[in-house]
C-alpha cells in the first residue's frame, strides 16, 4: 500500500452495539503481564513509541474532560505518554509495574519541568484510598492484565463519585496494516509459532463496554480512534518497532542474534513489498472505553 495522507478518525459512541455477556476476564499467563519485557524496551519505547501514542492519549484526555487541578491517575503509565500531557494542568499520579519504565517517566517529567508522582506498583491492587481521583486512565495496559476484572474494579474504586475513567485497547490486527503484515511475516518465517494469533484483548468494542459495565461503570461509551504511524522510510519504521515492541524484543532474546537478523531481513523485505520504500503514514486503530463512577 503506498504512503498516503495521515488518517485521523474519531467515531461517535456505538449506541447500536449488541449487548454481549462479559467474557471471562481472568487471562492465561502472558509474557506481557510481567515487567521483564517492558524493562527491556523502556529506553527505546520512550523515544520511538511515545510520539505516536501521544495522539491516542490526547483523545483519551478529551474524553475525560479533566479540568485544571484535577487529580488524575495513570495506570500502566509506561514512560508517561499520557501522564506528561495531563500534568500540564492536572495533579498526576502515575503507576507502572516496570521499574525501568517508571524511571524513564521520572526523567522525562524532570526534563519537561512537570510534577508527576511516579510509582512502581500493581494495577490490580492500587495503593490508593477509595475516591482519591477525579479521573483515571489505562492506555494499552489494562488490556494485558491477567485479571482484567480486578483492574477495572480498582480503577472504579479509586474514582470519586462522578469521576471518569478511560481505558485504551488495540483493535484486531487486521484493522492495523502495519502490525497485521509484521506478525503475518513472523508466522510465515517461523511456522508453528503462534505469534500474534488469537483474539486481541478488548479488541471488540462490545467486549470493552461489557467489561466496564460489569465492573460497575455507568454511562459507558466506546469510540474508535485512528491515527497514522509516521516514519521517514519503511526501514526506519521497522527499526523503531524492532527496538521498542515488547513482543518482538522477547522473540529476539528467544531466537538469538543470528536467527533474529535473518528474520529481520525477511520482515523488512515483506514490509517494503507491501508498503513501498518511502515515507510511511499507516493507520492504527484503537478503542477508547469511557465510563463514570
Protein backbone atom coordinates (compact mmCIF):
# COMPACT_ATOMS: atom_id res chain seq x y z
CA UNK A 1 0.00 0.00 0.00
CA UNK A 2 1.56 3.34 -0.95
CA UNK A 3 2.11 6.02 1.64
CA UNK A 4 -0.82 8.38 1.91
CA UNK A 5 -2.17 11.23 3.90
CA UNK A 6 -2.27 10.91 7.68
CA UNK A 7 -5.56 9.49 8.84
CA UNK A 8 -7.28 10.64 11.99
CA UNK A 9 -10.75 9.37 12.71
CA UNK A 10 -12.85 9.73 15.85
CA UNK A 11 -16.08 7.82 15.69
CA UNK A 12 -19.03 8.61 17.90
CA UNK A 13 -20.32 6.26 20.57
CA UNK A 14 -21.69 3.00 19.30
CA UNK A 15 -25.26 3.03 20.70
CA UNK A 16 -26.44 0.22 18.48
CA UNK A 17 -23.71 -2.22 19.57
CA UNK A 18 -25.25 -5.54 20.61
CA UNK A 19 -25.43 -6.45 24.26
CA UNK A 20 -22.94 -9.21 24.95
CA UNK A 21 -22.25 -11.25 28.03
CA UNK A 22 -18.90 -10.35 29.59
CA UNK A 23 -16.18 -12.78 28.59
CA UNK A 24 -14.03 -14.40 31.28
CA UNK A 25 -11.67 -11.68 32.42
CA UNK A 26 -9.02 -13.87 34.03
CA UNK A 27 -6.47 -14.46 31.29
CA UNK A 28 -3.84 -17.15 30.75
CA UNK A 29 -0.36 -16.01 31.79
CA UNK A 30 1.20 -13.72 29.20
CA UNK A 31 4.82 -12.59 28.96
CA UNK A 32 3.42 -9.07 28.58
CA UNK A 33 1.83 -9.36 32.04
CA UNK A 34 5.26 -9.28 33.72
CA UNK A 35 7.73 -6.39 33.93
CA UNK A 36 10.52 -8.27 32.13
CA UNK A 37 9.68 -7.32 28.55
CA UNK A 38 8.84 -3.73 29.45
CA UNK A 39 12.09 -3.26 31.35
CA UNK A 40 13.96 -4.40 28.23
CA UNK A 41 12.28 -1.88 25.91
CA UNK A 42 11.92 1.09 28.28
CA UNK A 43 14.68 3.26 26.78
CA UNK A 44 13.67 2.84 23.14
CA UNK A 45 9.94 2.90 23.90
CA UNK A 46 10.26 6.41 25.30
CA UNK A 47 11.98 7.56 22.09
CA UNK A 48 10.23 5.54 19.37
CA UNK A 49 6.70 4.87 20.63
CA UNK A 50 5.68 7.87 22.72
CA UNK A 51 5.46 10.37 19.82
CA UNK A 52 2.95 8.08 18.07
CA UNK A 53 0.92 7.12 21.14
CA UNK A 54 0.59 10.71 22.38
CA UNK A 55 -2.18 11.20 19.81
CA UNK A 56 -4.31 8.50 21.43
CA UNK A 57 -3.52 9.86 24.90
CA UNK A 58 -4.73 13.30 23.85
CA UNK A 59 -8.00 11.76 22.64
CA UNK A 60 -8.43 9.99 25.99
CA UNK A 61 -7.87 13.19 27.94
CA UNK A 62 -10.50 14.96 25.85
CA UNK A 63 -13.00 12.17 26.55
CA UNK A 64 -12.46 12.51 30.31
CA UNK A 65 -12.79 16.31 30.12
CA UNK A 66 -10.46 16.93 33.04
CA UNK A 67 -10.11 20.48 34.33
CA UNK A 68 -7.24 22.45 35.86
CA UNK A 69 -6.05 20.95 39.12
CA UNK A 70 -7.88 17.65 38.61
CA UNK A 71 -6.49 14.63 40.43
CA UNK A 72 -5.51 12.18 37.69
CA UNK A 73 -4.29 8.57 37.91
CA UNK A 74 -2.46 6.90 35.01
CA UNK A 75 -2.25 3.10 35.42
CA UNK A 76 0.27 1.11 33.37
CA UNK A 77 1.71 4.52 32.58
CA UNK A 78 4.85 3.36 30.80
CA UNK A 79 7.28 6.25 30.28
CA UNK A 80 4.49 8.78 30.78
CA UNK A 81 2.82 9.12 27.40
CA UNK A 82 -0.46 10.32 28.94
CA UNK A 83 0.94 11.43 32.30
CA UNK A 84 3.08 14.21 30.90
CA UNK A 85 0.27 15.57 28.73
CA UNK A 86 -2.11 15.59 31.71
CA UNK A 87 0.47 17.13 34.06
CA UNK A 88 0.38 20.39 32.12
CA UNK A 89 -2.79 21.27 34.03
CA UNK A 90 -3.62 18.41 36.41
CA UNK A 91 -2.18 16.75 39.52
CA UNK A 92 -0.93 13.44 38.15
CA UNK A 93 -0.06 10.17 39.84
CA UNK A 94 1.41 7.52 37.55
CA UNK A 95 1.86 3.83 38.29
CA UNK A 96 3.57 1.02 36.37
CA UNK A 97 4.89 -2.41 37.33
CA UNK A 98 8.10 -1.88 35.33
CA UNK A 99 10.80 -0.10 37.37
CA UNK A 100 12.63 0.86 34.17
CA UNK A 101 9.51 2.48 32.71
CA UNK A 102 8.91 4.43 35.92
CA UNK A 103 12.50 5.66 35.88
CA UNK A 104 12.12 6.86 32.27
CA UNK A 105 8.89 8.62 33.26
CA UNK A 106 10.60 10.43 36.13
CA UNK A 107 13.46 11.51 33.87
CA UNK A 108 11.11 12.80 31.18
CA UNK A 109 8.99 14.69 33.71
CA UNK A 110 12.08 16.32 35.21
CA UNK A 111 13.33 17.43 31.79
CA UNK A 112 9.92 18.90 30.99
CA UNK A 113 9.66 20.65 34.34
CA UNK A 114 6.45 18.78 35.18
CA UNK A 115 5.36 17.38 38.53
CA UNK A 116 4.32 13.72 38.33
CA UNK A 117 4.16 11.35 41.30
CA UNK A 118 5.53 8.24 39.55
CA UNK A 119 5.46 4.92 41.41
CA UNK A 120 6.17 1.25 40.84
CA UNK A 121 3.04 -0.74 41.65
CA UNK A 122 0.38 -3.27 40.70
CA UNK A 123 -2.57 -2.03 38.65
CA UNK A 124 -4.71 -4.84 40.07
CA UNK A 125 -4.08 -3.71 43.67
CA UNK A 126 -3.85 0.07 43.61
CA UNK A 127 -2.24 1.59 46.73
CA UNK A 128 -4.74 4.46 46.97
CA UNK A 129 -7.81 5.24 49.03
CA UNK A 130 -11.32 5.00 47.69
CA UNK A 131 -12.39 8.08 45.75
CA UNK A 132 -8.88 9.55 45.59
CA UNK A 133 -9.02 10.69 41.94
CA UNK A 134 -11.19 12.74 39.62
CA UNK A 135 -10.12 10.80 36.52
CA UNK A 136 -8.28 7.53 35.86
CA UNK A 137 -6.69 6.13 32.71
CA UNK A 138 -5.03 2.99 31.42
CA UNK A 139 -3.82 3.29 27.86
CA UNK A 140 -2.95 -0.07 26.30
CA UNK A 141 -2.04 -1.54 29.68
CA UNK A 142 -5.08 -2.93 31.48
CA UNK A 143 -5.85 -4.93 28.33
CA UNK A 144 -2.89 -7.21 29.23
CA UNK A 145 -3.73 -7.69 32.93
CA UNK A 146 -4.08 -11.36 33.97
CA UNK A 147 -7.27 -10.37 35.82
CA UNK A 148 -8.90 -7.54 33.92
CA UNK A 149 -11.95 -7.51 36.19
CA UNK A 150 -9.74 -6.61 39.16
CA UNK A 151 -8.08 -3.93 37.08
CA UNK A 152 -11.39 -2.35 36.08
CA UNK A 153 -12.78 -2.56 39.62
CA UNK A 154 -9.68 -0.95 41.06
CA UNK A 155 -9.99 1.95 38.60
CA UNK A 156 -13.61 2.34 39.67
CA UNK A 157 -12.79 2.16 43.37
CA UNK A 158 -10.24 4.97 43.36
CA UNK A 159 -12.52 7.36 41.44
CA UNK A 160 -14.68 9.86 43.28
CA UNK A 161 -18.42 9.65 42.58
CA UNK A 162 -18.92 11.20 39.16
CA UNK A 163 -15.27 10.65 38.22
CA UNK A 164 -14.40 9.40 34.75
CA UNK A 165 -12.17 6.55 33.57
CA UNK A 166 -10.85 5.96 30.06
CA UNK A 167 -9.27 2.64 29.02
CA UNK A 168 -7.50 2.18 25.69
CA UNK A 169 -7.12 -1.09 23.78
CA UNK A 170 -5.99 -2.01 20.29
CA UNK A 171 -8.42 -3.08 17.61
CA UNK A 172 -7.77 -6.50 16.00
CA UNK A 173 -4.63 -6.89 13.91
CA UNK A 174 -6.42 -6.74 10.59
CA UNK A 175 -7.51 -3.18 11.39
CA UNK A 176 -3.89 -2.01 11.67
CA UNK A 177 -1.97 -2.89 8.49
CA UNK A 178 1.49 -2.42 9.98
CA UNK A 179 1.00 -4.93 12.76
CA UNK A 180 -1.02 -7.29 10.56
CA UNK A 181 1.77 -7.53 7.98
CA UNK A 182 4.50 -7.68 10.62
CA UNK A 183 3.02 -10.57 12.57
CA UNK A 184 2.00 -12.39 9.38
CA UNK A 185 5.63 -12.19 8.23
CA UNK A 186 6.86 -13.64 11.51
CA UNK A 187 4.43 -16.55 11.31
CA UNK A 188 5.44 -17.19 7.69
CA UNK A 189 9.14 -17.27 8.58
CA UNK A 190 8.65 -19.27 11.78
CA UNK A 191 5.93 -21.84 11.02
CA UNK A 192 4.27 -23.26 14.10
CA UNK A 193 4.98 -20.22 16.25
CA UNK A 194 1.62 -18.78 17.39
CA UNK A 195 2.93 -15.23 17.24
CA UNK A 196 0.18 -12.61 17.16
CA UNK A 197 -2.54 -15.21 16.80
CA UNK A 198 -5.64 -15.42 18.92
CA UNK A 199 -8.20 -12.85 19.95
CA UNK A 200 -6.99 -9.30 20.58
CA UNK A 201 -7.63 -8.47 24.26
CA UNK A 202 -10.53 -5.99 24.38
CA UNK A 203 -10.26 -5.64 20.62
CA UNK A 204 -14.05 -5.83 20.26
CA UNK A 205 -15.74 -2.56 21.32
CA UNK A 206 -18.72 -4.52 22.65
CA UNK A 207 -16.40 -6.58 24.87
CA UNK A 208 -14.73 -3.47 26.25
CA UNK A 209 -18.12 -1.93 27.01
CA UNK A 210 -19.40 -5.12 28.66
CA UNK A 211 -16.35 -5.47 30.93
CA UNK A 212 -16.52 -1.86 32.07
CA UNK A 213 -20.23 -2.19 32.81
CA UNK A 214 -19.67 -5.48 34.65
CA UNK A 215 -17.13 -3.73 36.88
CA UNK A 216 -19.73 -1.12 37.81
CA UNK A 217 -19.07 1.82 35.49
CA UNK A 218 -22.07 3.87 34.37
CA UNK A 219 -22.71 5.68 31.09
CA UNK A 220 -20.11 3.59 29.28
CA UNK A 221 -19.24 4.58 25.72
CA UNK A 222 -16.67 3.13 23.34
CA UNK A 223 -15.14 5.08 20.48
CA UNK A 224 -12.76 4.11 17.75
CA UNK A 225 -9.85 6.41 17.01
CA UNK A 226 -7.33 6.06 14.23
CA UNK A 227 -4.02 7.84 13.82
CA UNK A 228 -1.10 7.31 11.48
CA UNK A 229 2.24 5.82 12.46
CA UNK A 230 4.68 8.12 10.67
CA UNK A 231 8.20 7.24 9.60
CA UNK A 232 10.65 8.66 7.06
CA UNK A 233 11.04 5.24 5.42
CA UNK A 234 9.98 1.63 5.75
CA UNK A 235 13.41 0.81 7.16
CA UNK A 236 13.02 3.46 9.86
CA UNK A 237 9.58 2.11 10.69
CA UNK A 238 10.90 -1.43 11.12
CA UNK A 239 13.91 -0.19 13.09
CA UNK A 240 11.76 1.56 15.67
CA UNK A 241 9.46 -1.43 16.02
CA UNK A 242 12.24 -3.99 16.45
CA UNK A 243 13.78 -1.85 19.21
CA UNK A 244 10.69 -0.88 21.16
CA UNK A 245 7.98 -3.51 20.61
CA UNK A 246 7.94 -5.75 23.69
CA UNK A 247 6.82 -8.99 21.97
CA UNK A 248 9.49 -8.53 19.31
CA UNK A 249 12.23 -7.98 21.88
CA UNK A 250 11.19 -11.14 23.72
CA UNK A 251 11.28 -13.03 20.42
CA UNK A 252 14.77 -11.66 19.67
CA UNK A 253 16.04 -12.95 23.01
CA UNK A 254 14.48 -16.35 22.34
CA UNK A 255 15.90 -16.73 18.82
CA UNK A 256 19.39 -15.35 19.37
CA UNK A 257 21.04 -12.58 17.37
CA UNK A 258 21.95 -14.58 14.25
CA UNK A 259 18.47 -16.00 13.66
CA UNK A 260 16.91 -12.68 14.62
CA UNK A 261 18.97 -10.84 12.00
CA UNK A 262 17.80 -13.29 9.32
CA UNK A 263 14.20 -12.83 10.41
CA UNK A 264 14.59 -9.06 10.41
CA UNK A 265 15.77 -9.02 6.80
CA UNK A 266 12.81 -11.15 5.74
CA UNK A 267 10.34 -8.94 7.60
CA UNK A 268 11.80 -5.75 6.15
CA UNK A 269 11.52 -7.25 2.67
CA UNK A 270 7.84 -8.04 3.18
CA UNK A 271 7.11 -4.58 4.59
CA UNK A 272 8.82 -2.95 1.61
CA UNK A 273 6.89 -5.15 -0.80
CA UNK A 274 3.57 -4.15 0.72
CA UNK A 275 4.13 -0.53 1.72
CA UNK A 276 6.96 0.64 -0.53
CA UNK A 277 10.30 2.23 0.38
CA UNK A 278 9.41 5.84 1.11
CA UNK A 279 7.80 7.81 3.94
CA UNK A 280 5.05 5.91 5.73
CA UNK A 281 1.81 7.14 7.30
CA UNK A 282 -0.03 3.97 8.19
CA UNK A 283 -3.19 3.89 10.26
CA UNK A 284 -3.52 2.14 13.62
CA UNK A 285 -6.98 1.78 15.19
CA UNK A 286 -7.67 1.85 18.93
CA UNK A 287 -10.76 1.55 21.12
CA UNK A 288 -11.29 4.09 23.89
CA UNK A 289 -13.77 2.99 26.54
CA UNK A 290 -15.03 5.74 28.86
CA UNK A 291 -17.21 5.32 31.94
CA UNK A 292 -18.35 7.15 35.06
CA UNK A 293 -18.36 6.06 38.69
